[in-house]
């Protein structure tokens, strides 16, 4: 009862054929395939920097995680308009 048998697959295929029709099934297959390709591409793009960090070692990972030491604009005593103007100048 718990296993998927060939008759179950056949029933699902017949229901899909009845719901979408023979003309739309190839279109659905193409869109499903392109969706899967996009998912694989995005997961590979996500894993590349993570794997590069793992291969670089803990010292490089610490450098990536360290806060920026670049000085920001001095905003003490400035109004909101002054801060946005200084950001546009930079």
C-alpha atoms as a PDB file:
ATOM      1  CA  UNK A   1       0.000   0.000   0.000  1.00  0.00           C
ATOM      2  CA  UNK A   2       2.842   2.450   0.799  1.00  0.00           C
ATOM      3  CA  UNK A   3       4.827   1.954  -2.430  1.00  0.00           C
ATOM      4  CA  UNK A   4       4.133   3.785  -5.670  1.00  0.00           C
ATOM      5  CA  UNK A   5       3.092   1.246  -8.237  1.00  0.00           C
ATOM      6  CA  UNK A   6       2.933   1.653 -12.030  1.00  0.00           C
ATOM      7  CA  UNK A   7      -0.856   1.890 -11.910  1.00  0.00           C
ATOM      8  CA  UNK A   8      -0.585   4.966  -9.669  1.00  0.00           C
ATOM      9  CA  UNK A   9       1.721   6.689 -12.147  1.00  0.00           C
ATOM     10  CA  UNK A  10      -0.648   5.818 -14.987  1.00  0.00           C
ATOM     11  CA  UNK A  11      -3.608   7.307 -13.116  1.00  0.00           C
ATOM     12  CA  UNK A  12      -1.687  10.537 -12.420  1.00  0.00           C
ATOM     13  CA  UNK A  13      -0.675  10.808 -16.100  1.00  0.00           C
ATOM     14  CA  UNK A  14      -4.277  10.342 -17.235  1.00  0.00           C
ATOM     15  CA  UNK A  15      -5.498  13.015 -14.809  1.00  0.00           C
ATOM     16  CA  UNK A  16      -2.804  15.441 -16.019  1.00  0.00           C
ATOM     17  CA  UNK A  17      -3.758  14.744 -19.625  1.00  0.00           C
ATOM     18  CA  UNK A  18      -7.417  15.395 -18.874  1.00  0.00           C
ATOM     19  CA  UNK A  19      -6.707  18.598 -16.925  1.00  0.00           C
ATOM     20  CA  UNK A  20      -4.230  20.269 -19.268  1.00  0.00           C
ATOM     21  CA  UNK A  21      -4.834  18.647 -22.642  1.00  0.00           C
ATOM     22  CA  UNK A  22      -2.347  17.194 -25.078  1.00  0.00           C
ATOM     23  CA  UNK A  23      -1.312  20.578 -26.500  1.00  0.00           C
ATOM     24  CA  UNK A  24      -0.247  22.120 -23.175  1.00  0.00           C
ATOM     25  CA  UNK A  25       1.756  19.206 -21.778  1.00  0.00           C
ATOM     26  CA  UNK A  26       4.940  19.931 -23.840  1.00  0.00           C
ATOM     27  CA  UNK A  27       4.728  23.594 -22.817  1.00  0.00           C
ATOM     28  CA  UNK A  28       4.421  22.595 -19.157  1.00  0.00           C
ATOM     29  CA  UNK A  29       7.414  20.277 -19.522  1.00  0.00           C
ATOM     30  CA  UNK A  30       9.548  23.051 -21.029  1.00  0.00           C
ATOM     31  CA  UNK A  31       8.638  25.514 -18.318  1.00  0.00           C
ATOM     32  CA  UNK A  32       9.297  22.923 -15.621  1.00  0.00           C
ATOM     33  CA  UNK A  33      12.693  22.154 -17.166  1.00  0.00           C
ATOM     34  CA  UNK A  34      13.684  25.808 -17.374  1.00  0.00           C
ATOM     35  CA  UNK A  35      12.615  26.298 -13.759  1.00  0.00           C
ATOM     36  CA  UNK A  36      14.783  23.407 -12.643  1.00  0.00           C
ATOM     37  CA  UNK A  37      17.747  24.796 -14.641  1.00  0.00           C
ATOM     38  CA  UNK A  38      17.339  28.208 -12.989  1.00  0.00           C
ATOM     39  CA  UNK A  39      17.199  26.591  -9.564  1.00  0.00           C
ATOM     40  CA  UNK A  40      20.401  24.621 -10.223  1.00  0.00           C
ATOM     41  CA  UNK A  41      22.131  27.740 -11.561  1.00  0.00           C
ATOM     42  CA  UNK A  42      21.203  29.835  -8.540  1.00  0.00           C
ATOM     43  CA  UNK A  43      22.275  27.149  -6.070  1.00  0.00           C
ATOM     44  CA  UNK A  44      25.631  26.825  -7.855  1.00  0.00           C
ATOM     45  CA  UNK A  45      26.111  30.599  -7.714  1.00  0.00           C
ATOM     46  CA  UNK A  46      25.330  30.485  -3.987  1.00  0.00           C
ATOM     47  CA  UNK A  47      27.718  27.606  -3.266  1.00  0.00           C
ATOM     48  CA  UNK A  48      30.749  29.033  -5.132  1.00  0.00           C
ATOM     49  CA  UNK A  49      31.595  31.768  -2.594  1.00  0.00           C
ATOM     50  CA  UNK A  50      30.868  29.433   0.304  1.00  0.00           C
ATOM     51  CA  UNK A  51      33.165  26.752  -1.092  1.00  0.00           C
ATOM     52  CA  UNK A  52      35.857  29.348  -1.847  1.00  0.00           C
ATOM     53  CA  UNK A  53      35.712  30.493   1.767  1.00  0.00           C
ATOM     54  CA  UNK A  54      36.016  26.935   3.035  1.00  0.00           C
ATOM     55  CA  UNK A  55      39.001  26.259   0.775  1.00  0.00           C
ATOM     56  CA  UNK A  56      40.707  29.517   1.770  1.00  0.00           C
ATOM     57  CA  UNK A  57      40.818  28.571   5.433  1.00  0.00           C
ATOM     58  CA  UNK A  58      39.793  30.177   8.700  1.00  0.00           C
ATOM     59  CA  UNK A  59      42.048  33.241   8.399  1.00  0.00           C
ATOM     60  CA  UNK A  60      40.474  34.292   5.095  1.00  0.00           C
ATOM     61  CA  UNK A  61      37.013  33.632   6.504  1.00  0.00           C
ATOM     62  CA  UNK A  62      37.763  35.900   9.459  1.00  0.00           C
ATOM     63  CA  UNK A  63      38.863  38.648   7.060  1.00  0.00           C
ATOM     64  CA  UNK A  64      35.630  38.296   5.111  1.00  0.00           C
ATOM     65  CA  UNK A  65      33.544  38.478   8.270  1.00  0.00           C
ATOM     66  CA  UNK A  66      35.450  41.402   9.834  1.00  0.00           C
ATOM     67  CA  UNK A  67      33.689  44.767   9.885  1.00  0.00           C
ATOM     68  CA  UNK A  68      34.813  47.389   7.424  1.00  0.00           C
ATOM     69  CA  UNK A  69      37.536  49.731   8.675  1.00  0.00           C
ATOM     70  CA  UNK A  70      36.816  52.401   6.055  1.00  0.00           C
ATOM     71  CA  UNK A  71      35.829  55.684   7.686  1.00  0.00           C
ATOM     72  CA  UNK A  72      32.287  56.865   7.110  1.00  0.00           C
ATOM     73  CA  UNK A  73      31.070  60.427   6.827  1.00  0.00           C
ATOM     74  CA  UNK A  74      31.176  62.479  10.010  1.00  0.00           C
ATOM     75  CA  UNK A  75      27.500  63.052  10.771  1.00  0.00           C
ATOM     76  CA  UNK A  76      27.720  64.390  14.309  1.00  0.00           C
ATOM     77  CA  UNK A  77      25.621  67.534  14.568  1.00  0.00           C
ATOM     78  CA  UNK A  78      24.411  67.315  10.956  1.00  0.00           C
ATOM     79  CA  UNK A  79      20.807  67.343   9.847  1.00  0.00           C
ATOM     80  CA  UNK A  80      19.285  64.661   7.643  1.00  0.00           C
ATOM     81  CA  UNK A  81      19.594  66.906   4.568  1.00  0.00           C
ATOM     82  CA  UNK A  82      23.279  67.482   5.231  1.00  0.00           C
ATOM     83  CA  UNK A  83      23.936  63.741   5.522  1.00  0.00           C
ATOM     84  CA  UNK A  84      22.181  62.933   2.225  1.00  0.00           C
ATOM     85  CA  UNK A  85      24.061  65.779   0.499  1.00  0.00           C
ATOM     86  CA  UNK A  86      27.404  64.468   1.770  1.00  0.00           C
ATOM     87  CA  UNK A  87      26.550  60.988   0.502  1.00  0.00           C
ATOM     88  CA  UNK A  88      25.792  62.353  -2.974  1.00  0.00           C
ATOM     89  CA  UNK A  89      29.148  64.167  -3.051  1.00  0.00           C
ATOM     90  CA  UNK A  90      31.061  60.977  -2.298  1.00  0.00           C
END
